[in-house]
Amino acid sequence: MIKKLHKIDQTRLYFILKGGIVGIISGILVSIFRLTIEKMTEYVQDFYLFAQREPLWLIFWVILSVFVAIFVGYLIKAQPHISGSGIPQVEGVLQEEVHYRWFPVLWRKFIGGILSVGSGLFLGREGPSIQLGASVGQGLSSAYQSPKYEQKILISSGASAGLAAAFNAPIAAVLFIVEEIHHTFSPLICLTSLVSAIIANFISLYIFGLQPVLYLGHMYDLPLKHYGLLLIMGLLLGVLGRMYQKNLLDLPKWFNKLAIPSYLYGLVPFLLVIPIGFYFPHLLGGGNQIILSLEENGYSLYLLLLLFLLRYLFSMISYGSNLPGGIFLPILSLGAILGALFGLFSIEFLGLESYYLKNFIIVAMAGYFTAIGKAPLTAIILVTEMVGSINHLMPLGFVSLVAYIVVDSLGGHPIYESLLDRLVSYKKIANTNEKIVIEFPVTAESILDGMPIRDFVWPEETLLVTIQRNEQDILPHGDTILKMDDTLLILTDANHATAVRKELRKKTLIK
């Protein structure tokens, strides 16, 4: 027994060490990525202010924008997996549905992400940061010649480090890996991801300072008498979040009507952003400055509505063009604007005290993110860490729960899972006889909990090869009783993997 415990401790120490290495490299890389984007965005805004005085310089800017869009387009053409946020690609790699070489993705995502996000498009840095960190983990596992399970752990820890460095939110980064990427709890993945996230966050804090990314100053606690307003806002956020999901997933249908190759779709947002930058340079970028200015600038209801429509439409155009950039921060900024809209309406017409406007801005960010990503724990902790206040966990949790119930009732699915399904549906598998092992968790709501293996009708083209339970591998037989928190390793053909996962989810959920 002592030897066994000693072996487990050594294993965890081994992954803590490797997670630390992943965290250091990812933290440095993502911090440079983030710093370069921030500086470039400042220069772009300064140029537009200069162009307001010397508008002829816009001719030069149009030519430069076309050149940059074409250059980024050729980066995408050479490596299509750098397009978009990168989070669906990371999920796909971990589920063995997407395959790519890490280094070509890493350097192209780094350069393409800086040029796209830094040019003022309504894109976020967090998705590319997650893919950059995941690529670091994948690269180190290749250097170590790690087995497949270790490779997945290091990729997960790298993704966690990337998000932590991008937003200075290490706990939310770990929750994101559990809630959004893996959809199940693994002590070893959580431990390694936490180590990577803490170290990457430390490096980011050293460069950017200790102040939270979205620090809004002192806020009053929201009284219970206003929770009726929170209920209404949660309902609205759920409906609007479902609308965002549908519109985002419909974007390829609209962009495919353009008479240009898909890798050059970036020309559209790169050109359309020029008039926005010329007239409203302060609105450029992912939206963090918008969030910080909502309460201070004294927007009217009319201006807030126009601001929401502008950022909603152009964030769709920016992301739908397949440019390297994420939707995390744009979603949070849209949620903040909705919170300001609802809060200001409540102040003017429903008697809400004006000093609670910040509360509605903060709470709406979590609710809107939950409605789109269907990851309420991540949303709550992410907003808490980014704002730097733990006094609002109750209203954050309440609105997130309401928004989650609404979007679930409307048939919404986690947006990154939907994007992965779309990505995989486009993929052509050359070798249809390739065998892979997929992982499927037995959760609390699964009918498999307490069921003998022989009593379940397994999908065709599958073979249950191993059950992972409490860090032990169990060889299954017909009488083996499955239990909650088991992880099932199922052998299937590569071209059946996605269908098998969907069928298992459908057949195992308690109705």
Protein backbone atom coordinates (compact mmCIF):
# COMPACT_ATOMS: atom_id res chain seq x y z
CA MET A 1 0.00 0.00 0.00
CA ILE A 2 2.85 2.38 0.85
CA LYS A 3 4.57 1.63 -2.46
CA LYS A 4 1.32 2.26 -4.31
CA LEU A 5 0.80 5.65 -2.63
CA HIS A 6 4.41 6.55 -3.32
CA LYS A 7 3.93 5.71 -7.00
CA ILE A 8 0.79 7.90 -7.22
CA ASP A 9 2.63 10.80 -5.59
CA GLN A 10 5.49 10.43 -8.04
CA THR A 11 3.05 10.47 -10.96
CA ARG A 12 1.43 13.65 -9.74
CA LEU A 13 4.78 15.27 -9.08
CA TYR A 14 5.83 14.32 -12.60
CA PHE A 15 2.79 16.05 -14.11
CA ILE A 16 3.17 19.06 -11.82
CA LEU A 17 6.69 19.49 -13.18
CA LYS A 18 5.62 19.14 -16.81
CA GLY A 19 2.59 21.36 -16.22
CA GLY A 20 4.94 23.98 -14.81
CA ILE A 21 7.09 23.88 -17.95
CA VAL A 22 3.99 24.22 -20.14
CA GLY A 23 2.83 27.14 -17.98
CA ILE A 24 6.14 29.00 -18.26
CA ILE A 25 6.38 28.72 -22.04
CA SER A 26 2.67 29.38 -22.63
CA GLY A 27 2.67 32.31 -20.20
CA ILE A 28 5.57 34.00 -21.96
CA LEU A 29 4.21 33.34 -25.45
CA VAL A 30 0.64 34.44 -24.72
CA SER A 31 1.81 37.51 -22.77
CA ILE A 32 3.86 38.61 -25.78
CA PHE A 33 0.84 37.90 -27.99
CA ARG A 34 -1.45 39.94 -25.72
CA LEU A 35 1.02 42.82 -25.32
CA THR A 36 1.61 43.07 -29.07
CA ILE A 37 -2.14 43.16 -29.76
CA GLU A 38 -2.69 45.90 -27.17
CA LYS A 39 0.13 48.05 -28.56
CA MET A 40 -0.96 47.49 -32.15
CA THR A 41 -4.56 48.42 -31.31
CA GLU A 42 -3.33 51.65 -29.72
CA TYR A 43 -1.34 52.53 -32.85
CA VAL A 44 -4.33 51.74 -35.07
CA GLN A 45 -6.58 54.01 -32.98
CA ASP A 46 -3.95 56.77 -33.10
CA PHE A 47 -3.80 56.46 -36.88
CA TYR A 48 -7.56 56.89 -37.22
CA LEU A 49 -7.42 60.00 -35.02
CA PHE A 50 -4.68 61.31 -37.31
CA ALA A 51 -6.73 60.37 -40.40
CA GLN A 52 -9.62 62.46 -39.13
CA ARG A 53 -7.32 65.47 -39.66
CA GLU A 54 -5.63 64.08 -42.81
CA PRO A 55 -8.27 61.88 -44.54
CA LEU A 56 -6.15 61.32 -47.68
CA TRP A 57 -4.07 58.90 -45.62
CA LEU A 58 -7.07 56.54 -45.69
CA ILE A 59 -6.09 55.60 -49.26
CA PHE A 60 -2.81 54.25 -47.93
CA TRP A 61 -4.71 52.50 -45.13
CA VAL A 62 -7.10 50.78 -47.55
CA ILE A 63 -4.16 49.44 -49.56
CA LEU A 64 -2.39 48.27 -46.41
CA SER A 65 -5.57 46.61 -45.09
CA VAL A 66 -6.04 44.70 -48.35
CA PHE A 67 -2.42 43.54 -48.22
CA VAL A 68 -2.75 42.39 -44.58
CA ALA A 69 -6.05 40.60 -45.28
CA ILE A 70 -4.51 38.73 -48.22
CA PHE A 71 -1.43 37.82 -46.19
CA VAL A 72 -3.53 36.45 -43.32
CA GLY A 73 -5.69 34.67 -45.90
CA TYR A 74 -2.67 32.84 -47.27
CA LEU A 75 -1.69 31.84 -43.74
CA ILE A 76 -5.17 30.33 -43.39
CA LYS A 77 -4.93 28.64 -46.78
CA ALA A 78 -1.61 27.03 -45.78
CA GLN A 79 -3.02 25.88 -42.41
CA PRO A 80 -6.85 26.01 -42.20
CA HIS A 81 -6.83 25.05 -38.51
CA ILE A 82 -5.67 28.54 -37.49
CA SER A 83 -9.02 30.01 -38.54
CA GLY A 84 -11.54 31.18 -35.96
CA SER A 85 -10.99 31.08 -32.24
CA GLY A 86 -9.10 27.78 -32.17
CA ILE A 87 -11.10 26.34 -29.27
CA PRO A 88 -13.11 23.89 -31.44
CA GLN A 89 -9.82 22.73 -32.95
CA VAL A 90 -8.37 22.09 -29.49
CA GLU A 91 -11.48 20.13 -28.51
CA GLY A 92 -11.19 18.19 -31.76
CA VAL A 93 -7.56 17.28 -31.11
CA LEU A 94 -8.40 16.04 -27.61
CA GLN A 95 -11.30 13.98 -29.01
CA GLU A 96 -9.08 12.72 -31.85
CA GLU A 97 -11.43 14.14 -34.45
CA VAL A 98 -9.02 16.83 -35.65
CA HIS A 99 -5.36 16.29 -36.47
CA TYR A 100 -2.68 18.87 -37.22
CA ARG A 101 1.01 19.50 -36.64
CA TRP A 102 1.54 21.84 -33.73
CA PHE A 103 4.33 24.14 -34.95
CA PRO A 104 2.77 25.30 -38.25
CA VAL A 105 -0.39 26.12 -36.32
CA LEU A 106 1.48 27.87 -33.51
CA TRP A 107 3.48 30.39 -35.56
CA ARG A 108 0.72 31.08 -38.07
CA LYS A 109 -1.87 31.55 -35.31
CA PHE A 110 0.50 33.88 -33.48
CA ILE A 111 1.11 36.14 -36.49
CA GLY A 112 -2.40 35.87 -37.94
CA GLY A 113 -4.00 36.53 -34.56
CA ILE A 114 -1.90 39.65 -33.94
CA LEU A 115 -2.71 41.08 -37.38
CA SER A 116 -6.44 40.28 -37.15
CA VAL A 117 -7.18 41.20 -33.53
CA GLY A 118 -4.67 44.05 -33.42
CA SER A 119 -6.16 45.70 -36.52
CA GLY A 120 -9.22 46.68 -34.52
CA LEU A 121 -11.59 43.97 -35.71
CA PHE A 122 -14.23 42.89 -33.20
CA LEU A 123 -12.36 39.73 -32.24
CA GLY A 124 -11.00 38.46 -28.92
CA ARG A 125 -7.50 37.33 -27.98
CA GLU A 126 -8.61 34.50 -25.70
CA GLY A 127 -9.43 31.83 -28.32
CA PRO A 128 -6.09 32.19 -30.11
CA SER A 129 -4.37 32.27 -26.69
CA ILE A 130 -5.99 28.94 -25.79
CA GLN A 131 -4.87 27.37 -29.07
CA LEU A 132 -1.37 28.79 -28.68
CA GLY A 133 -1.10 27.29 -25.18
CA ALA A 134 -2.53 23.98 -26.39
CA SER A 135 0.04 23.92 -29.21
CA VAL A 136 2.81 24.45 -26.67
CA GLY A 137 1.50 21.47 -24.69
CA GLN A 138 1.27 19.41 -27.87
CA GLY A 139 4.80 20.38 -28.88
CA LEU A 140 6.28 19.49 -25.49
CA SER A 141 4.48 16.15 -25.46
CA SER A 142 5.98 15.44 -28.89
CA ALA A 143 9.43 16.34 -27.59
CA TYR A 144 8.90 14.05 -24.59
CA GLN A 145 7.50 11.32 -26.90
CA SER A 146 4.62 11.11 -24.45
CA PRO A 147 1.91 8.44 -24.63
CA LYS A 148 -1.49 9.57 -25.86
CA TYR A 149 -3.06 10.10 -22.44
CA GLU A 150 -0.15 12.29 -21.34
CA GLN A 151 -0.34 14.27 -24.58
CA LYS A 152 -3.99 15.08 -23.86
CA ILE A 153 -3.16 16.20 -20.33
CA LEU A 154 -0.41 18.54 -21.54
CA ILE A 155 -2.58 19.96 -24.32
CA SER A 156 -5.31 20.63 -21.74
CA SER A 157 -2.85 22.28 -19.37
CA GLY A 158 -1.51 24.44 -22.20
CA ALA A 159 -5.03 25.55 -23.10
CA SER A 160 -5.64 26.42 -19.46
CA ALA A 161 -2.40 28.42 -19.33
CA GLY A 162 -3.35 30.30 -22.49
CA LEU A 163 -6.70 31.43 -21.10
CA ALA A 164 -5.17 32.32 -17.73
CA ALA A 165 -2.53 34.52 -19.34
CA ALA A 166 -5.06 36.14 -21.69
CA PHE A 167 -7.52 37.19 -18.97
CA ASN A 168 -5.60 36.79 -15.67
CA ALA A 169 -8.26 34.28 -14.63
CA PRO A 170 -6.50 31.02 -13.62
CA ILE A 171 -9.40 29.40 -11.75
CA ALA A 172 -11.82 30.10 -14.60
CA ALA A 173 -9.24 28.67 -16.99
CA VAL A 174 -9.24 25.35 -15.14
CA LEU A 175 -13.04 25.32 -14.96
CA PHE A 176 -13.18 26.01 -18.70
CA ILE A 177 -11.07 22.92 -19.35
CA VAL A 178 -13.37 20.79 -17.19
CA GLU A 179 -16.73 22.29 -18.18
CA GLU A 180 -16.25 23.16 -21.84
CA ILE A 181 -13.36 21.10 -23.19
CA HIS A 182 -13.65 17.71 -21.44
CA HIS A 183 -17.19 17.84 -19.99
CA THR A 184 -15.99 15.60 -17.17
CA PHE A 185 -13.72 15.76 -14.12
CA SER A 186 -10.24 14.26 -14.08
CA PRO A 187 -8.07 14.92 -10.99
CA LEU A 188 -4.84 14.66 -12.99
CA ILE A 189 -6.01 17.02 -15.73
CA CYS A 190 -7.27 19.52 -13.14
CA LEU A 191 -4.04 19.40 -11.15
CA THR A 192 -1.79 19.80 -14.18
CA SER A 193 -4.00 22.52 -15.67
CA LEU A 194 -4.06 24.41 -12.37
CA VAL A 195 -0.26 24.39 -12.17
CA SER A 196 0.05 25.66 -15.75
CA ALA A 197 -2.64 28.30 -15.24
CA ILE A 198 -1.16 29.65 -12.00
CA ILE A 199 2.35 29.93 -13.48
CA ALA A 200 1.13 31.49 -16.74
CA ASN A 201 -1.02 33.92 -14.76
CA PHE A 202 1.97 34.88 -12.59
CA ILE A 203 3.98 35.73 -15.71
CA SER A 204 1.08 37.74 -17.14
CA LEU A 205 0.60 39.65 -13.88
CA TYR A 206 4.31 40.50 -13.83
CA ILE A 207 3.98 42.07 -17.29
CA PHE A 208 0.53 43.69 -17.08
CA GLY A 209 0.23 44.44 -13.37
CA LEU A 210 -2.03 43.23 -10.59
CA GLN A 211 -5.17 45.18 -11.50
CA PRO A 212 -7.92 42.91 -12.85
CA VAL A 213 -8.60 43.14 -16.58
CA LEU A 214 -12.11 44.59 -16.12
CA TYR A 215 -11.74 46.39 -12.79
CA LEU A 216 -14.75 48.70 -12.37
CA GLY A 217 -13.98 50.13 -8.95
CA HIS A 218 -16.17 49.93 -5.86
CA MET A 219 -19.63 48.40 -6.25
CA TYR A 220 -22.57 48.17 -3.87
CA ASP A 221 -24.16 44.86 -2.99
CA LEU A 222 -27.43 44.40 -4.86
CA PRO A 223 -30.39 44.06 -2.43
CA LEU A 224 -32.70 41.07 -2.66
CA LYS A 225 -35.62 43.32 -3.60
CA HIS A 226 -34.07 43.78 -7.05
CA TYR A 227 -33.80 40.07 -7.85
CA GLY A 228 -37.07 40.28 -9.76
CA LEU A 229 -35.25 42.51 -12.23
CA LEU A 230 -32.43 39.97 -12.40
CA LEU A 231 -34.96 37.26 -13.23
CA ILE A 232 -36.33 39.27 -16.14
CA MET A 233 -32.83 40.09 -17.37
CA GLY A 234 -31.82 36.42 -17.17
CA LEU A 235 -34.82 35.46 -19.31
CA LEU A 236 -33.92 38.08 -21.92
CA LEU A 237 -30.26 37.06 -21.95
CA GLY A 238 -31.24 33.43 -22.53
CA VAL A 239 -33.37 34.34 -25.54
CA LEU A 240 -30.75 36.69 -26.98
CA GLY A 241 -28.01 34.14 -26.36
CA ARG A 242 -29.90 31.52 -28.34
CA MET A 243 -30.31 34.04 -31.16
CA TYR A 244 -26.54 34.65 -31.12
CA GLN A 245 -25.89 30.91 -31.39
CA LYS A 246 -28.16 30.56 -34.41
CA ASN A 247 -26.73 33.61 -36.18
CA LEU A 248 -23.13 32.53 -35.58
CA LEU A 249 -23.72 29.04 -36.93
CA ASP A 250 -25.49 30.46 -40.01
CA LEU A 251 -22.53 32.67 -40.97
CA PRO A 252 -20.95 30.21 -43.48
CA LYS A 253 -24.20 30.22 -45.45
CA TRP A 254 -23.92 33.99 -45.93
CA PHE A 255 -20.17 34.15 -46.56
CA ASN A 256 -20.34 31.32 -49.10
CA LYS A 257 -22.36 33.64 -51.34
CA LEU A 258 -19.26 35.81 -51.85
CA ALA A 259 -17.50 35.37 -55.18
CA ILE A 260 -14.06 35.01 -53.59
CA PRO A 261 -12.16 32.02 -52.10
CA SER A 262 -12.98 31.27 -48.47
CA TYR A 263 -9.45 32.06 -47.30
CA LEU A 264 -9.93 35.66 -48.56
CA TYR A 265 -13.16 36.29 -46.66
CA GLY A 266 -11.08 38.42 -44.31
CA LEU A 267 -11.09 41.19 -46.93
CA VAL A 268 -14.68 41.96 -45.91
CA PRO A 269 -14.11 42.89 -42.24
CA PHE A 270 -10.69 44.45 -42.94
CA LEU A 271 -12.37 46.92 -45.32
CA LEU A 272 -15.60 47.42 -43.38
CA VAL A 273 -13.73 48.28 -40.19
CA ILE A 274 -12.15 51.35 -41.83
CA PRO A 275 -15.26 53.60 -41.66
CA ILE A 276 -15.92 52.36 -38.11
CA GLY A 277 -12.36 53.22 -37.10
CA PHE A 278 -12.50 56.58 -38.85
CA TYR A 279 -15.67 57.77 -37.09
CA PHE A 280 -15.48 55.74 -33.84
CA PRO A 281 -11.86 54.73 -33.16
CA HIS A 282 -12.62 54.14 -29.47
CA LEU A 283 -15.01 51.31 -30.42
CA LEU A 284 -12.35 49.17 -32.09
CA GLY A 285 -11.09 45.87 -30.69
CA GLY A 286 -12.52 43.02 -28.65
CA GLY A 287 -14.47 45.27 -26.31
CA ASN A 288 -12.69 45.49 -22.96
CA GLN A 289 -12.42 49.30 -23.21
CA ILE A 290 -16.12 49.46 -24.05
CA ILE A 291 -16.95 47.54 -20.88
CA LEU A 292 -14.80 49.85 -18.76
CA SER A 293 -16.42 52.98 -20.23
CA LEU A 294 -20.09 51.97 -20.07
CA GLU A 295 -20.78 53.36 -16.64
CA GLU A 296 -18.52 56.41 -16.95
CA ASN A 297 -19.55 57.79 -20.35
CA GLY A 298 -23.22 58.24 -19.58
CA TYR A 299 -24.67 56.57 -22.67
CA SER A 300 -28.36 57.08 -23.38
CA LEU A 301 -30.68 54.13 -24.06
CA TYR A 302 -30.69 55.03 -27.76
CA LEU A 303 -26.89 55.12 -28.02
CA LEU A 304 -26.54 51.86 -26.10
CA LEU A 305 -28.97 50.16 -28.48
CA LEU A 306 -27.03 51.44 -31.51
CA LEU A 307 -23.76 50.36 -29.89
CA PHE A 308 -25.12 46.86 -29.28
CA LEU A 309 -26.35 46.52 -32.88
CA LEU A 310 -23.03 47.75 -34.29
CA ARG A 311 -20.92 45.44 -32.16
CA TYR A 312 -23.27 42.50 -32.68
CA LEU A 313 -23.30 42.78 -36.47
CA PHE A 314 -19.62 43.51 -36.93
CA SER A 315 -18.49 40.86 -34.45
CA MET A 316 -20.47 38.38 -36.59
CA ILE A 317 -18.78 39.69 -39.74
CA SER A 318 -15.35 39.58 -38.10
CA TYR A 319 -15.72 36.01 -36.82
CA GLY A 320 -17.57 34.67 -39.86
CA SER A 321 -14.65 35.61 -42.11
CA ASN A 322 -12.56 32.77 -40.58
CA LEU A 323 -9.84 35.17 -39.42
CA PRO A 324 -7.81 34.04 -36.38
CA GLY A 325 -9.69 35.55 -33.46
CA GLY A 326 -12.04 34.58 -30.67
CA ILE A 327 -15.55 35.40 -29.45
CA PHE A 328 -14.97 35.30 -25.67
CA LEU A 329 -14.34 39.02 -25.23
CA PRO A 330 -16.87 40.14 -27.87
CA ILE A 331 -19.52 38.06 -26.08
CA LEU A 332 -18.61 39.61 -22.73
CA SER A 333 -18.73 43.12 -24.22
CA LEU A 334 -22.15 42.45 -25.78
CA GLY A 335 -23.38 41.12 -22.44
CA ALA A 336 -22.07 44.22 -20.68
CA ILE A 337 -23.90 46.49 -23.14
CA LEU A 338 -27.12 44.52 -22.61
CA GLY A 339 -26.64 44.85 -18.85
CA ALA A 340 -26.15 48.61 -19.21
CA LEU A 341 -29.26 48.82 -21.40
CA PHE A 342 -31.39 46.89 -18.93
CA GLY A 343 -29.92 48.70 -15.92
CA LEU A 344 -30.43 52.17 -17.43
CA PHE A 345 -33.99 51.29 -18.42
CA SER A 346 -34.63 50.12 -14.85
CA ILE A 347 -33.14 53.34 -13.47
CA GLU A 348 -35.24 55.60 -15.70
CA PHE A 349 -38.54 53.73 -15.56
CA LEU A 350 -38.52 51.21 -12.68
CA GLY A 351 -36.97 53.17 -9.83
CA LEU A 352 -33.61 51.37 -9.65
CA GLU A 353 -30.93 53.37 -7.86
CA SER A 354 -28.32 54.64 -10.34
CA TYR A 355 -25.32 53.29 -8.40
CA TYR A 356 -26.44 49.71 -9.17
CA LEU A 357 -25.76 50.12 -12.91
CA LYS A 358 -22.32 48.48 -12.53
CA ASN A 359 -23.95 45.45 -10.97
CA PHE A 360 -26.17 44.88 -13.99
CA ILE A 361 -23.22 45.32 -16.35
CA ILE A 362 -21.22 42.67 -14.49
CA VAL A 363 -24.06 40.21 -14.00
CA ALA A 364 -25.19 40.44 -17.64
CA MET A 365 -21.70 39.49 -18.85
CA ALA A 366 -21.91 36.19 -17.01
CA GLY A 367 -25.52 35.57 -18.03
CA TYR A 368 -24.93 36.24 -21.73
CA PHE A 369 -21.76 34.13 -21.79
CA THR A 370 -23.65 31.30 -20.07
CA ALA A 371 -26.48 31.51 -22.60
CA ILE A 372 -24.05 31.16 -25.50
CA GLY A 373 -21.37 28.86 -24.11
CA LYS A 374 -23.60 26.86 -21.71
CA ALA A 375 -20.74 26.88 -19.21
CA PRO A 376 -22.23 28.66 -16.16
CA LEU A 377 -19.45 27.88 -13.66
CA THR A 378 -16.81 29.15 -16.07
CA ALA A 379 -18.87 32.29 -16.72
CA ILE A 380 -19.37 33.06 -13.04
CA ILE A 381 -15.74 32.60 -12.02
CA LEU A 382 -14.37 34.23 -15.18
CA VAL A 383 -16.33 37.43 -14.61
CA THR A 384 -15.49 37.36 -10.89
CA GLU A 385 -11.75 37.12 -11.57
CA MET A 386 -11.80 39.69 -14.39
CA VAL A 387 -13.73 42.21 -12.30
CA GLY A 388 -11.78 41.48 -9.11
CA SER A 389 -14.74 41.25 -6.74
CA ILE A 390 -16.29 38.23 -5.04
CA ASN A 391 -19.25 40.17 -3.61
CA HIS A 392 -21.52 39.38 -6.55
CA LEU A 393 -21.42 35.60 -6.72
CA MET A 394 -25.10 35.26 -5.78
CA PRO A 395 -26.52 37.54 -8.52
CA LEU A 396 -24.00 36.14 -11.01
CA GLY A 397 -25.11 32.61 -10.20
CA PHE A 398 -28.80 33.50 -10.23
CA VAL A 399 -28.78 35.19 -13.65
CA SER A 400 -26.49 32.55 -15.15
CA LEU A 401 -28.82 29.80 -13.96
CA VAL A 402 -31.90 31.52 -15.41
CA ALA A 403 -30.14 32.16 -18.74
CA TYR A 404 -28.93 28.55 -18.87
CA ILE A 405 -32.44 27.16 -18.29
CA VAL A 406 -33.88 29.41 -20.99
CA VAL A 407 -31.31 28.58 -23.67
CA ASP A 408 -31.53 24.87 -22.80
CA SER A 409 -35.32 25.01 -23.14
CA LEU A 410 -34.88 26.62 -26.56
CA GLY A 411 -32.68 23.76 -27.75
CA GLY A 412 -29.33 25.55 -27.50
CA HIS A 413 -26.07 23.63 -27.35
CA PRO A 414 -22.64 24.80 -26.17
CA ILE A 415 -21.37 27.03 -28.96
CA TYR A 416 -17.88 25.54 -29.12
CA GLU A 417 -19.31 22.03 -29.30
CA SER A 418 -21.55 23.13 -32.17
CA LEU A 419 -18.60 24.76 -33.93
CA LEU A 420 -16.61 21.54 -33.53
CA ASP A 421 -19.46 19.51 -35.03
CA ARG A 422 -19.51 21.87 -38.00
CA LEU A 423 -15.73 21.67 -38.34
CA VAL A 424 -15.71 17.87 -38.26
CA SER A 425 -18.59 17.65 -40.74
CA TYR A 426 -16.41 19.46 -43.29
CA LYS A 427 -13.44 17.19 -42.70
CA LYS A 428 -12.65 14.35 -45.09
CA ILE A 429 -10.97 11.32 -43.63
CA ALA A 430 -8.69 9.69 -46.13
CA ASN A 431 -8.24 6.37 -44.34
CA THR A 432 -11.71 5.14 -43.43
CA ASN A 433 -10.26 2.01 -41.82
CA GLU A 434 -8.29 3.93 -39.20
CA LYS A 435 -9.15 2.85 -35.65
CA ILE A 436 -9.24 5.32 -32.76
CA VAL A 437 -10.19 5.18 -29.08
CA ILE A 438 -12.71 7.75 -27.87
CA GLU A 439 -13.40 8.64 -24.25
CA PHE A 440 -16.97 8.79 -22.94
CA PRO A 441 -17.76 9.77 -19.31
CA VAL A 442 -20.49 8.21 -17.18
CA THR A 443 -22.14 11.25 -15.58
CA ALA A 444 -24.78 11.58 -12.86
CA GLU A 445 -27.57 11.99 -15.43
CA SER A 446 -26.54 8.90 -17.41
CA ILE A 447 -28.61 5.71 -17.45
CA LEU A 448 -25.31 3.80 -17.50
CA ASP A 449 -24.74 4.51 -13.80
CA GLY A 450 -25.38 1.18 -12.03
CA MET A 451 -26.04 -0.72 -15.27
CA PRO A 452 -24.27 -3.95 -16.27
CA ILE A 453 -22.43 -3.65 -19.59
CA ARG A 454 -24.48 -6.43 -21.17
CA ASP A 455 -27.77 -4.57 -20.55
CA PHE A 456 -26.89 -1.58 -22.72
CA VAL A 457 -27.34 -1.66 -26.50
CA TRP A 458 -24.02 -0.29 -27.71
CA PRO A 459 -23.76 1.51 -31.06
CA GLU A 460 -22.57 -0.52 -34.02
CA GLU A 461 -18.89 -0.37 -34.97
CA THR A 462 -17.84 0.03 -31.31
CA LEU A 463 -15.95 -2.02 -28.75
CA LEU A 464 -15.62 -1.09 -25.06
CA VAL A 465 -11.98 -1.85 -24.32
CA THR A 466 -11.28 -0.28 -20.91
CA ILE A 467 -13.03 1.38 -17.98
CA GLN A 468 -11.02 4.00 -16.10
CA ARG A 469 -12.16 4.23 -12.48
CA ASN A 470 -10.34 5.99 -9.63
CA GLU A 471 -7.03 6.04 -11.53
CA GLN A 472 -7.34 2.31 -12.26
CA ASP A 473 -7.98 0.54 -15.56
CA ILE A 474 -10.66 -2.17 -15.45
CA LEU A 475 -10.95 -4.79 -18.16
CA PRO A 476 -14.70 -4.94 -18.90
CA HIS A 477 -16.88 -8.01 -19.24
CA GLY A 478 -20.63 -8.46 -19.55
CA ASP A 479 -21.32 -8.47 -15.79
CA THR A 480 -19.21 -5.37 -15.00
CA ILE A 481 -21.35 -2.68 -13.35
CA LEU A 482 -20.73 0.80 -14.68
CA LYS A 483 -20.56 3.62 -12.14
CA MET A 484 -20.80 7.39 -12.14
CA ASP A 485 -17.45 9.10 -12.92
CA ASP A 486 -16.22 6.11 -14.93
CA THR A 487 -14.49 7.00 -18.19
CA LEU A 488 -15.18 4.51 -20.96
CA LEU A 489 -12.53 3.93 -23.62
CA ILE A 490 -14.35 2.84 -26.76
CA LEU A 491 -12.67 1.59 -29.94
CA THR A 492 -14.28 2.64 -33.22
CA ASP A 493 -13.48 3.68 -36.79
CA ALA A 494 -12.23 7.24 -37.24
CA ASN A 495 -15.06 8.08 -39.62
CA HIS A 496 -17.68 6.87 -37.10
CA ALA A 497 -16.30 8.68 -34.03
CA THR A 498 -18.52 11.76 -34.18
CA ALA A 499 -21.67 9.74 -34.87
CA VAL A 500 -20.83 7.32 -32.04
CA ARG A 501 -20.43 10.18 -29.54
CA LYS A 502 -23.74 11.71 -30.55
CA GLU A 503 -25.54 8.37 -30.36
CA LEU A 504 -24.08 7.60 -26.92
CA ARG A 505 -25.12 11.00 -25.57
CA LYS A 506 -28.62 10.54 -26.91
CA LYS A 507 -29.06 6.97 -25.67
CA THR A 508 -27.55 7.43 -22.20
CA LEU A 509 -29.34 10.56 -21.00
CA ILE A 510 -32.12 9.97 -18.47
CA LYS A 511 -35.41 11.02 -20.05
